[in-house]
Amino acid sequence: MRYLIGIIVIVLSSFLIIKTEYFYSLVGAMDWPEQHIGPGGTRLFIKLIGIAFIFGALFYMTGILSDIGHAVLTPTVPTT
């Protein structure tokens, strides 16, 4: 099931990256990316979100995401 969810997220994220102009027409220009990244920042921001979702899906499929979550959320001092 983990692989199926990961593949679905990767396909949808790839669609987000490939069809950036379509999603840009849906959401319009966002103020924060346009101000901090520059002209065309919204399009770049949409692509970066797609790339982040692809990496997140790969981490989820390989189990790295649970290892990262376990390392971050468990206390550093063992309890006895």
N, C-alpha and C. Protein backbone atom coordinates (compact mmCIF):
# COMPACT_ATOMS: atom_id res chain seq x y z
N MET A 1 0.82 -1.19 0.00
CA MET A 1 0.00 0.00 0.00
C MET A 1 0.87 1.26 0.00
N ARG A 2 2.00 1.15 0.68
CA ARG A 2 2.91 2.28 0.77
C ARG A 2 3.42 2.67 -0.62
N TYR A 3 3.71 1.67 -1.45
CA TYR A 3 4.21 1.95 -2.79
C TYR A 3 3.14 2.54 -3.68
N LEU A 4 1.92 2.06 -3.53
CA LEU A 4 0.82 2.58 -4.34
C LEU A 4 0.57 4.06 -4.03
N ILE A 5 0.53 4.40 -2.76
CA ILE A 5 0.34 5.80 -2.37
C ILE A 5 1.51 6.65 -2.87
N GLY A 6 2.72 6.15 -2.75
CA GLY A 6 3.89 6.88 -3.21
C GLY A 6 3.86 7.13 -4.71
N ILE A 7 3.48 6.13 -5.48
CA ILE A 7 3.42 6.29 -6.93
C ILE A 7 2.33 7.29 -7.31
N ILE A 8 1.19 7.23 -6.64
CA ILE A 8 0.11 8.18 -6.93
C ILE A 8 0.56 9.61 -6.64
N VAL A 9 1.23 9.82 -5.52
CA VAL A 9 1.71 11.16 -5.17
C VAL A 9 2.76 11.63 -6.18
N ILE A 10 3.63 10.74 -6.61
CA ILE A 10 4.65 11.11 -7.60
C ILE A 10 4.00 11.49 -8.92
N VAL A 11 3.00 10.74 -9.36
CA VAL A 11 2.33 11.06 -10.62
C VAL A 11 1.61 12.40 -10.52
N LEU A 12 0.90 12.64 -9.43
CA LEU A 12 0.19 13.91 -9.26
C LEU A 12 1.17 15.08 -9.14
N SER A 13 2.29 14.86 -8.46
CA SER A 13 3.29 15.93 -8.33
C SER A 13 3.95 16.21 -9.68
N SER A 14 4.17 15.18 -10.47
CA SER A 14 4.73 15.38 -11.80
C SER A 14 3.77 16.19 -12.65
N PHE A 15 2.48 15.90 -12.52
CA PHE A 15 1.47 16.68 -13.23
C PHE A 15 1.50 18.14 -12.77
N LEU A 16 1.73 18.35 -11.48
CA LEU A 16 1.84 19.71 -10.95
C LEU A 16 3.04 20.45 -11.55
N ILE A 17 4.14 19.75 -11.73
CA ILE A 17 5.34 20.36 -12.30
C ILE A 17 5.17 20.62 -13.80
N ILE A 18 4.62 19.64 -14.51
CA ILE A 18 4.48 19.76 -15.97
C ILE A 18 3.43 20.80 -16.35
N LYS A 19 2.33 20.81 -15.65
CA LYS A 19 1.22 21.72 -15.96
C LYS A 19 1.18 22.92 -15.02
N THR A 20 2.32 23.53 -14.78
CA THR A 20 2.42 24.66 -13.87
C THR A 20 1.53 25.82 -14.31
N GLU A 21 1.49 26.07 -15.60
CA GLU A 21 0.70 27.20 -16.12
C GLU A 21 -0.79 27.01 -15.83
N TYR A 22 -1.27 25.77 -15.91
CA TYR A 22 -2.67 25.49 -15.60
C TYR A 22 -2.96 25.80 -14.13
N PHE A 23 -2.09 25.34 -13.24
CA PHE A 23 -2.30 25.60 -11.81
C PHE A 23 -2.12 27.08 -11.48
N TYR A 24 -1.23 27.74 -12.21
CA TYR A 24 -1.07 29.18 -12.03
C TYR A 24 -2.35 29.91 -12.41
N SER A 25 -3.02 29.46 -13.48
CA SER A 25 -4.27 30.11 -13.87
C SER A 25 -5.37 29.85 -12.84
N LEU A 26 -5.27 28.75 -12.09
CA LEU A 26 -6.26 28.46 -11.04
C LEU A 26 -6.06 29.35 -9.81
N VAL A 27 -4.79 29.48 -9.37
CA VAL A 27 -4.54 30.19 -8.11
C VAL A 27 -4.16 31.65 -8.32
N GLY A 28 -3.66 32.00 -9.49
CA GLY A 28 -3.22 33.38 -9.72
C GLY A 28 -1.87 33.64 -9.07
N ALA A 29 -1.46 34.88 -9.13
CA ALA A 29 -0.17 35.26 -8.56
C ALA A 29 -0.26 35.31 -7.04
N MET A 30 0.71 34.71 -6.38
CA MET A 30 0.77 34.74 -4.92
C MET A 30 1.74 35.85 -4.51
N ASP A 31 1.38 36.60 -3.49
CA ASP A 31 2.19 37.75 -3.10
C ASP A 31 3.56 37.37 -2.56
N TRP A 32 3.62 36.38 -1.67
CA TRP A 32 4.89 36.05 -1.04
C TRP A 32 5.95 35.60 -2.05
N PRO A 33 5.65 34.62 -2.93
CA PRO A 33 6.70 34.22 -3.89
C PRO A 33 7.08 35.34 -4.86
N GLU A 34 6.11 36.14 -5.27
CA GLU A 34 6.43 37.22 -6.20
C GLU A 34 7.32 38.27 -5.53
N GLN A 35 7.13 38.49 -4.25
CA GLN A 35 7.92 39.49 -3.53
C GLN A 35 9.32 38.97 -3.21
N HIS A 36 9.43 37.73 -2.75
CA HIS A 36 10.70 37.21 -2.27
C HIS A 36 11.53 36.52 -3.34
N ILE A 37 10.89 35.91 -4.33
CA ILE A 37 11.62 35.21 -5.38
C ILE A 37 11.81 36.13 -6.59
N GLY A 38 10.82 36.97 -6.84
CA GLY A 38 10.90 37.89 -7.97
C GLY A 38 9.80 37.60 -8.98
N PRO A 39 9.86 38.27 -10.11
CA PRO A 39 8.84 38.04 -11.14
C PRO A 39 8.85 36.57 -11.59
N GLY A 40 7.67 35.99 -11.69
CA GLY A 40 7.57 34.56 -12.02
C GLY A 40 7.78 33.67 -10.82
N GLY A 41 7.82 34.25 -9.65
CA GLY A 41 8.07 33.48 -8.43
C GLY A 41 6.97 32.48 -8.11
N THR A 42 5.74 32.80 -8.49
CA THR A 42 4.64 31.89 -8.22
C THR A 42 4.81 30.60 -9.01
N ARG A 43 5.20 30.71 -10.25
CA ARG A 43 5.40 29.51 -11.07
C ARG A 43 6.54 28.65 -10.50
N LEU A 44 7.62 29.30 -10.10
CA LEU A 44 8.72 28.56 -9.50
C LEU A 44 8.29 27.92 -8.18
N PHE A 45 7.51 28.62 -7.40
CA PHE A 45 7.02 28.11 -6.12
C PHE A 45 6.15 26.87 -6.32
N ILE A 46 5.30 26.88 -7.34
CA ILE A 46 4.46 25.72 -7.65
C ILE A 46 5.33 24.53 -8.03
N LYS A 47 6.37 24.77 -8.82
CA LYS A 47 7.29 23.69 -9.20
C LYS A 47 8.04 23.16 -7.99
N LEU A 48 8.46 24.04 -7.09
CA LEU A 48 9.18 23.60 -5.89
C LEU A 48 8.29 22.78 -4.97
N ILE A 49 7.02 23.13 -4.89
CA ILE A 49 6.08 22.33 -4.10
C ILE A 49 5.95 20.94 -4.70
N GLY A 50 5.86 20.85 -6.03
CA GLY A 50 5.80 19.55 -6.69
C GLY A 50 7.03 18.71 -6.42
N ILE A 51 8.21 19.33 -6.48
CA ILE A 51 9.45 18.60 -6.21
C ILE A 51 9.51 18.14 -4.76
N ALA A 52 9.06 18.98 -3.84
CA ALA A 52 9.04 18.60 -2.42
C ALA A 52 8.12 17.41 -2.18
N PHE A 53 6.96 17.38 -2.85
CA PHE A 53 6.05 16.25 -2.71
C PHE A 53 6.65 14.98 -3.29
N ILE A 54 7.40 15.10 -4.38
CA ILE A 54 8.05 13.91 -4.96
C ILE A 54 9.08 13.35 -3.99
N PHE A 55 9.92 14.22 -3.40
CA PHE A 55 10.89 13.74 -2.42
C PHE A 55 10.19 13.15 -1.20
N GLY A 56 9.12 13.80 -0.75
CA GLY A 56 8.36 13.26 0.38
C GLY A 56 7.79 11.89 0.08
N ALA A 57 7.28 11.69 -1.14
CA ALA A 57 6.74 10.39 -1.52
C ALA A 57 7.84 9.33 -1.59
N LEU A 58 9.00 9.71 -2.12
CA LEU A 58 10.12 8.76 -2.17
C LEU A 58 10.58 8.39 -0.76
N PHE A 59 10.64 9.37 0.12
CA PHE A 59 11.01 9.09 1.51
C PHE A 59 9.98 8.19 2.17
N TYR A 60 8.70 8.40 1.87
CA TYR A 60 7.64 7.58 2.44
C TYR A 60 7.72 6.15 1.91
N MET A 61 7.96 6.00 0.61
CA MET A 61 8.03 4.67 0.01
C MET A 61 9.19 3.85 0.55
N THR A 62 10.32 4.49 0.79
CA THR A 62 11.50 3.76 1.25
C THR A 62 11.58 3.63 2.77
N GLY A 63 10.69 4.29 3.49
CA GLY A 63 10.69 4.20 4.94
C GLY A 63 11.57 5.22 5.62
N ILE A 64 12.22 6.06 4.86
CA ILE A 64 13.09 7.08 5.44
C ILE A 64 12.28 8.10 6.23
N LEU A 65 11.07 8.38 5.77
CA LEU A 65 10.23 9.38 6.44
C LEU A 65 9.90 8.94 7.86
N SER A 66 9.61 7.66 8.07
CA SER A 66 9.31 7.20 9.42
C SER A 66 10.56 7.22 10.29
N ASP A 67 11.73 6.93 9.68
CA ASP A 67 12.97 7.01 10.44
C ASP A 67 13.26 8.44 10.87
N ILE A 68 13.04 9.39 9.98
CA ILE A 68 13.25 10.80 10.32
C ILE A 68 12.27 11.22 11.41
N GLY A 69 11.00 10.84 11.27
CA GLY A 69 10.02 11.17 12.29
C GLY A 69 10.35 10.56 13.63
N HIS A 70 10.82 9.33 13.61
CA HIS A 70 11.20 8.67 14.86
C HIS A 70 12.39 9.36 15.50
N ALA A 71 13.37 9.75 14.70
CA ALA A 71 14.56 10.42 15.23
C ALA A 71 14.23 11.79 15.80
N VAL A 72 13.29 12.50 15.17
CA VAL A 72 12.97 13.84 15.61
C VAL A 72 12.04 13.82 16.83
N LEU A 73 11.10 12.90 16.84
CA LEU A 73 10.07 12.93 17.87
C LEU A 73 10.39 12.14 19.13
N THR A 74 11.37 11.27 19.10
CA THR A 74 11.71 10.55 20.32
C THR A 74 12.69 11.38 21.14
N PRO A 75 12.60 11.25 22.43
CA PRO A 75 13.53 12.02 23.27
C PRO A 75 14.97 11.52 23.09
N THR A 76 15.89 12.43 23.30
CA THR A 76 17.31 12.06 23.13
C THR A 76 17.85 11.34 24.35
N VAL A 77 17.21 11.49 25.49
CA VAL A 77 17.63 10.80 26.70
C VAL A 77 16.72 9.61 26.89
N PRO A 78 17.27 8.40 26.93
CA PRO A 78 16.42 7.22 27.12
C PRO A 78 15.76 7.19 28.50
N THR A 79 14.53 6.78 28.52
CA THR A 79 13.81 6.69 29.80
C THR A 79 13.91 5.27 30.32
N THR A 80 14.06 5.12 31.63
CA THR A 80 14.17 3.78 32.22
C THR A 80 13.01 3.47 33.10
